[in-house]
């Protein structure tokens, strides 16, 4: 049986894929470019720069993609409810849940407390645990690379499964 998808269903899924890909790229770039560089600097410089990163990432463009990807995912799920019998729908559900839980909730629970800790430091008088916090933050960001990347891949697979279904 051939399943028909609307332009709105396909475009909304495409938007989710683009947005989750941008977020995966953001976390990937940070993990594989910025973090290794930040391991090479002094504690004073790390505390200063990491705090600046934390403050400056809080901007409308970042928030629109960070939270918007989850919101678009929910909309895509709702728009595709009529297709819940096809595995494309379940890939969309997986993509959305992985993004919301593995990026948004995880950030709130793990990365933000570490950010607030870092922002409270006096760069001239670092706490004894500053290197442990840096390591925890780097590991936590690597988790977001995996989860945002998985959301992207699930979204691509959902879209791909539609074209295979149509062939």
C-alpha atoms as a PDB file:
ATOM      1  CA  UNK A   1       0.000   0.000   0.000  1.00  0.00           C
ATOM      2  CA  UNK A   2       1.365   3.380  -1.001  1.00  0.00           C
ATOM      3  CA  UNK A   3       1.306   6.053   1.687  1.00  0.00           C
ATOM      4  CA  UNK A   4       0.819   9.665   0.687  1.00  0.00           C
ATOM      5  CA  UNK A   5       2.501  12.446   2.636  1.00  0.00           C
ATOM      6  CA  UNK A   6       1.488  16.086   2.419  1.00  0.00           C
ATOM      7  CA  UNK A   7       3.842  18.892   1.532  1.00  0.00           C
ATOM      8  CA  UNK A   8       3.407  20.246   5.078  1.00  0.00           C
ATOM      9  CA  UNK A   9       4.378  16.903   6.609  1.00  0.00           C
ATOM     10  CA  UNK A  10       7.491  16.626   4.452  1.00  0.00           C
ATOM     11  CA  UNK A  11       8.539  20.262   4.804  1.00  0.00           C
ATOM     12  CA  UNK A  12       8.124  20.205   8.586  1.00  0.00           C
ATOM     13  CA  UNK A  13      10.230  17.035   8.786  1.00  0.00           C
ATOM     14  CA  UNK A  14      12.826  18.661   6.525  1.00  0.00           C
ATOM     15  CA  UNK A  15      12.907  21.702   8.818  1.00  0.00           C
ATOM     16  CA  UNK A  16      13.447  19.444  11.833  1.00  0.00           C
ATOM     17  CA  UNK A  17      16.304  17.699  10.015  1.00  0.00           C
ATOM     18  CA  UNK A  18      17.962  21.008   9.127  1.00  0.00           C
ATOM     19  CA  UNK A  19      17.586  22.390  12.653  1.00  0.00           C
ATOM     20  CA  UNK A  20      18.797  19.215  14.370  1.00  0.00           C
ATOM     21  CA  UNK A  21      21.711  19.076  11.928  1.00  0.00           C
ATOM     22  CA  UNK A  22      22.683  22.640  12.797  1.00  0.00           C
ATOM     23  CA  UNK A  23      22.568  21.833  16.504  1.00  0.00           C
ATOM     24  CA  UNK A  24      24.551  18.620  15.992  1.00  0.00           C
ATOM     25  CA  UNK A  25      27.117  20.656  14.066  1.00  0.00           C
ATOM     26  CA  UNK A  26      27.241  23.257  16.824  1.00  0.00           C
ATOM     27  CA  UNK A  27      27.963  20.642  19.520  1.00  0.00           C
ATOM     28  CA  UNK A  28      30.319  18.710  17.213  1.00  0.00           C
ATOM     29  CA  UNK A  29      32.374  21.789  16.422  1.00  0.00           C
ATOM     30  CA  UNK A  30      32.645  22.722  20.066  1.00  0.00           C
ATOM     31  CA  UNK A  31      33.650  19.200  21.121  1.00  0.00           C
ATOM     32  CA  UNK A  32      36.203  18.605  18.385  1.00  0.00           C
ATOM     33  CA  UNK A  33      37.601  22.122  17.906  1.00  0.00           C
ATOM     34  CA  UNK A  34      37.040  24.354  20.911  1.00  0.00           C
ATOM     35  CA  UNK A  35      37.427  21.789  23.701  1.00  0.00           C
ATOM     36  CA  UNK A  36      40.847  20.532  22.554  1.00  0.00           C
ATOM     37  CA  UNK A  37      42.067  24.130  22.285  1.00  0.00           C
ATOM     38  CA  UNK A  38      40.715  24.936  25.745  1.00  0.00           C
ATOM     39  CA  UNK A  39      42.693  22.008  27.175  1.00  0.00           C
ATOM     40  CA  UNK A  40      45.868  23.830  26.094  1.00  0.00           C
ATOM     41  CA  UNK A  41      45.259  27.073  28.003  1.00  0.00           C
ATOM     42  CA  UNK A  42      45.893  28.094  31.584  1.00  0.00           C
ATOM     43  CA  UNK A  43      43.180  27.816  34.204  1.00  0.00           C
ATOM     44  CA  UNK A  44      42.825  31.590  34.371  1.00  0.00           C
ATOM     45  CA  UNK A  45      42.322  31.837  30.612  1.00  0.00           C
ATOM     46  CA  UNK A  46      39.970  28.836  30.589  1.00  0.00           C
ATOM     47  CA  UNK A  47      37.767  30.330  33.307  1.00  0.00           C
ATOM     48  CA  UNK A  48      37.580  33.682  31.520  1.00  0.00           C
ATOM     49  CA  UNK A  49      36.895  32.333  28.028  1.00  0.00           C
ATOM     50  CA  UNK A  50      34.492  29.572  29.093  1.00  0.00           C
ATOM     51  CA  UNK A  51      32.455  32.097  31.068  1.00  0.00           C
ATOM     52  CA  UNK A  52      32.360  34.373  28.026  1.00  0.00           C
ATOM     53  CA  UNK A  53      31.203  31.474  25.844  1.00  0.00           C
ATOM     54  CA  UNK A  54      28.475  30.631  28.352  1.00  0.00           C
ATOM     55  CA  UNK A  55      27.216  34.207  28.486  1.00  0.00           C
ATOM     56  CA  UNK A  56      27.365  34.876  24.749  1.00  0.00           C
ATOM     57  CA  UNK A  57      25.707  31.643  23.651  1.00  0.00           C
ATOM     58  CA  UNK A  58      22.547  32.888  25.370  1.00  0.00           C
ATOM     59  CA  UNK A  59      21.162  34.812  22.425  1.00  0.00           C
ATOM     60  CA  UNK A  60      17.953  34.722  20.378  1.00  0.00           C
ATOM     61  CA  UNK A  61      19.485  32.887  17.423  1.00  0.00           C
ATOM     62  CA  UNK A  62      20.911  30.086  19.572  1.00  0.00           C
ATOM     63  CA  UNK A  63      17.724  29.785  21.634  1.00  0.00           C
ATOM     64  CA  UNK A  64      15.550  29.673  18.507  1.00  0.00           C
ATOM     65  CA  UNK A  65      17.483  26.627  17.272  1.00  0.00           C
ATOM     66  CA  UNK A  66      18.159  25.015  20.663  1.00  0.00           C
ATOM     67  CA  UNK A  67      14.523  25.087  21.822  1.00  0.00           C
ATOM     68  CA  UNK A  68      12.951  25.442  18.379  1.00  0.00           C
ATOM     69  CA  UNK A  69      14.290  22.072  17.232  1.00  0.00           C
ATOM     70  CA  UNK A  70      12.379  20.351  20.027  1.00  0.00           C
ATOM     71  CA  UNK A  71       9.238  22.383  19.318  1.00  0.00           C
ATOM     72  CA  UNK A  72       9.401  21.661  15.589  1.00  0.00           C
ATOM     73  CA  UNK A  73       9.893  17.979  16.402  1.00  0.00           C
ATOM     74  CA  UNK A  74       6.678  17.949  18.435  1.00  0.00           C
ATOM     75  CA  UNK A  75       4.812  19.659  15.578  1.00  0.00           C
ATOM     76  CA  UNK A  76       6.211  17.096  13.113  1.00  0.00           C
ATOM     77  CA  UNK A  77       4.997  14.281  15.383  1.00  0.00           C
ATOM     78  CA  UNK A  78       1.513  15.776  15.527  1.00  0.00           C
ATOM     79  CA  UNK A  79       1.352  16.410  11.778  1.00  0.00           C
ATOM     80  CA  UNK A  80       2.390  12.835  11.080  1.00  0.00           C
ATOM     81  CA  UNK A  81       0.013  11.114  13.504  1.00  0.00           C
ATOM     82  CA  UNK A  82      -2.080   9.798  10.600  1.00  0.00           C
ATOM     83  CA  UNK A  83       0.980   7.729   9.570  1.00  0.00           C
ATOM     84  CA  UNK A  84       1.610   6.094  12.943  1.00  0.00           C
ATOM     85  CA  UNK A  85       1.397   2.691  11.249  1.00  0.00           C
ATOM     86  CA  UNK A  86       4.556   3.412   9.234  1.00  0.00           C
ATOM     87  CA  UNK A  87       8.003   3.178  10.740  1.00  0.00           C
ATOM     88  CA  UNK A  88       8.764   6.702   9.493  1.00  0.00           C
ATOM     89  CA  UNK A  89       6.437   8.007  12.199  1.00  0.00           C
ATOM     90  CA  UNK A  90       8.293   6.082  14.912  1.00  0.00           C
ATOM     91  CA  UNK A  91      11.627   7.378  13.674  1.00  0.00           C
ATOM     92  CA  UNK A  92      10.201  10.903  14.002  1.00  0.00           C
ATOM     93  CA  UNK A  93       9.065  10.112  17.553  1.00  0.00           C
ATOM     94  CA  UNK A  94      12.539   8.741  18.349  1.00  0.00           C
ATOM     95  CA  UNK A  95      14.259  11.779  16.828  1.00  0.00           C
ATOM     96  CA  UNK A  96      12.096  14.176  18.805  1.00  0.00           C
ATOM     97  CA  UNK A  97      12.423  12.322  22.118  1.00  0.00           C
ATOM     98  CA  UNK A  98      16.181  11.900  21.733  1.00  0.00           C
ATOM     99  CA  UNK A  99      16.557  15.615  21.007  1.00  0.00           C
ATOM    100  CA  UNK A 100      14.298  16.832  23.809  1.00  0.00           C
ATOM    101  CA  UNK A 101      15.622  14.444  26.451  1.00  0.00           C
ATOM    102  CA  UNK A 102      19.211  14.148  25.260  1.00  0.00           C
ATOM    103  CA  UNK A 103      19.826  17.796  24.426  1.00  0.00           C
ATOM    104  CA  UNK A 104      17.338  20.122  26.125  1.00  0.00           C
ATOM    105  CA  UNK A 105      16.701  18.215  29.376  1.00  0.00           C
ATOM    106  CA  UNK A 106      20.284  16.956  29.595  1.00  0.00           C
ATOM    107  CA  UNK A 107      21.621  20.483  29.163  1.00  0.00           C
ATOM    108  CA  UNK A 108      19.341  21.728  31.920  1.00  0.00           C
ATOM    109  CA  UNK A 109      20.323  18.947  34.293  1.00  0.00           C
ATOM    110  CA  UNK A 110      24.048  18.630  33.557  1.00  0.00           C
ATOM    111  CA  UNK A 111      25.623  21.413  31.487  1.00  0.00           C
ATOM    112  CA  UNK A 112      23.869  24.426  32.991  1.00  0.00           C
ATOM    113  CA  UNK A 113      24.909  23.669  36.605  1.00  0.00           C
ATOM    114  CA  UNK A 114      28.485  23.297  35.367  1.00  0.00           C
ATOM    115  CA  UNK A 115      28.162  26.588  33.451  1.00  0.00           C
ATOM    116  CA  UNK A 116      26.891  28.389  36.540  1.00  0.00           C
ATOM    117  CA  UNK A 117      29.763  26.955  38.561  1.00  0.00           C
ATOM    118  CA  UNK A 118      32.303  28.142  35.959  1.00  0.00           C
ATOM    119  CA  UNK A 119      30.736  31.600  35.771  1.00  0.00           C
ATOM    120  CA  UNK A 120      31.095  32.003  39.553  1.00  0.00           C
ATOM    121  CA  UNK A 121      34.866  31.509  39.473  1.00  0.00           C
ATOM    122  CA  UNK A 122      37.401  34.255  40.018  1.00  0.00           C
ATOM    123  CA  UNK A 123      39.949  33.544  37.253  1.00  0.00           C
ATOM    124  CA  UNK A 124      42.764  34.770  39.515  1.00  0.00           C
ATOM    125  CA  UNK A 125      41.707  32.416  42.325  1.00  0.00           C
ATOM    126  CA  UNK A 126      40.351  29.207  40.806  1.00  0.00           C
ATOM    127  CA  UNK A 127      38.731  26.508  42.920  1.00  0.00           C
ATOM    128  CA  UNK A 128      40.704  23.314  43.399  1.00  0.00           C
ATOM    129  CA  UNK A 129      38.182  21.357  41.307  1.00  0.00           C
ATOM    130  CA  UNK A 130      38.327  23.544  38.174  1.00  0.00           C
ATOM    131  CA  UNK A 131      40.017  20.875  36.025  1.00  0.00           C
ATOM    132  CA  UNK A 132      37.436  18.283  37.084  1.00  0.00           C
ATOM    133  CA  UNK A 133      34.626  20.670  36.135  1.00  0.00           C
ATOM    134  CA  UNK A 134      36.254  21.274  32.743  1.00  0.00           C
ATOM    135  CA  UNK A 135      36.491  17.525  32.171  1.00  0.00           C
ATOM    136  CA  UNK A 136      32.867  16.979  33.251  1.00  0.00           C
ATOM    137  CA  UNK A 137      31.673  19.759  30.942  1.00  0.00           C
ATOM    138  CA  UNK A 138      33.642  18.351  27.992  1.00  0.00           C
ATOM    139  CA  UNK A 139      32.202  14.878  28.588  1.00  0.00           C
ATOM    140  CA  UNK A 140      28.690  16.284  28.947  1.00  0.00           C
ATOM    141  CA  UNK A 141      29.037  18.171  25.686  1.00  0.00           C
ATOM    142  CA  UNK A 142      30.157  14.973  23.962  1.00  0.00           C
ATOM    143  CA  UNK A 143      26.861  13.393  25.076  1.00  0.00           C
ATOM    144  CA  UNK A 144      25.039  16.233  23.316  1.00  0.00           C
ATOM    145  CA  UNK A 145      27.031  15.506  20.150  1.00  0.00           C
ATOM    146  CA  UNK A 146      25.748  11.935  20.252  1.00  0.00           C
ATOM    147  CA  UNK A 147      22.135  12.791  21.059  1.00  0.00           C
ATOM    148  CA  UNK A 148      21.777  15.687  18.624  1.00  0.00           C
ATOM    149  CA  UNK A 149      23.521  13.600  15.961  1.00  0.00           C
ATOM    150  CA  UNK A 150      21.172  10.693  16.639  1.00  0.00           C
ATOM    151  CA  UNK A 151      18.144  12.981  16.338  1.00  0.00           C
ATOM    152  CA  UNK A 152      19.467  14.196  12.990  1.00  0.00           C
ATOM    153  CA  UNK A 153      20.097  10.646  11.729  1.00  0.00           C
ATOM    154  CA  UNK A 154      16.646   9.445  12.859  1.00  0.00           C
ATOM    155  CA  UNK A 155      15.092  12.398  11.028  1.00  0.00           C
ATOM    156  CA  UNK A 156      17.015  11.641   7.840  1.00  0.00           C
ATOM    157  CA  UNK A 157      16.045   7.963   8.075  1.00  0.00           C
ATOM    158  CA  UNK A 158      12.394   8.941   8.526  1.00  0.00           C
ATOM    159  CA  UNK A 159      12.490  11.072   5.396  1.00  0.00           C
ATOM    160  CA  UNK A 160      14.428   8.426   3.472  1.00  0.00           C
ATOM    161  CA  UNK A 161      11.947   5.729   4.469  1.00  0.00           C
ATOM    162  CA  UNK A 162       9.221   7.801   2.821  1.00  0.00           C
ATOM    163  CA  UNK A 163      11.037   7.800  -0.510  1.00  0.00           C
ATOM    164  CA  UNK A 164      11.690   4.054  -0.306  1.00  0.00           C
ATOM    165  CA  UNK A 165       8.006   3.555   0.485  1.00  0.00           C
ATOM    166  CA  UNK A 166       7.047   5.570  -2.618  1.00  0.00           C
ATOM    167  CA  UNK A 167       9.297   3.594  -4.988  1.00  0.00           C
END
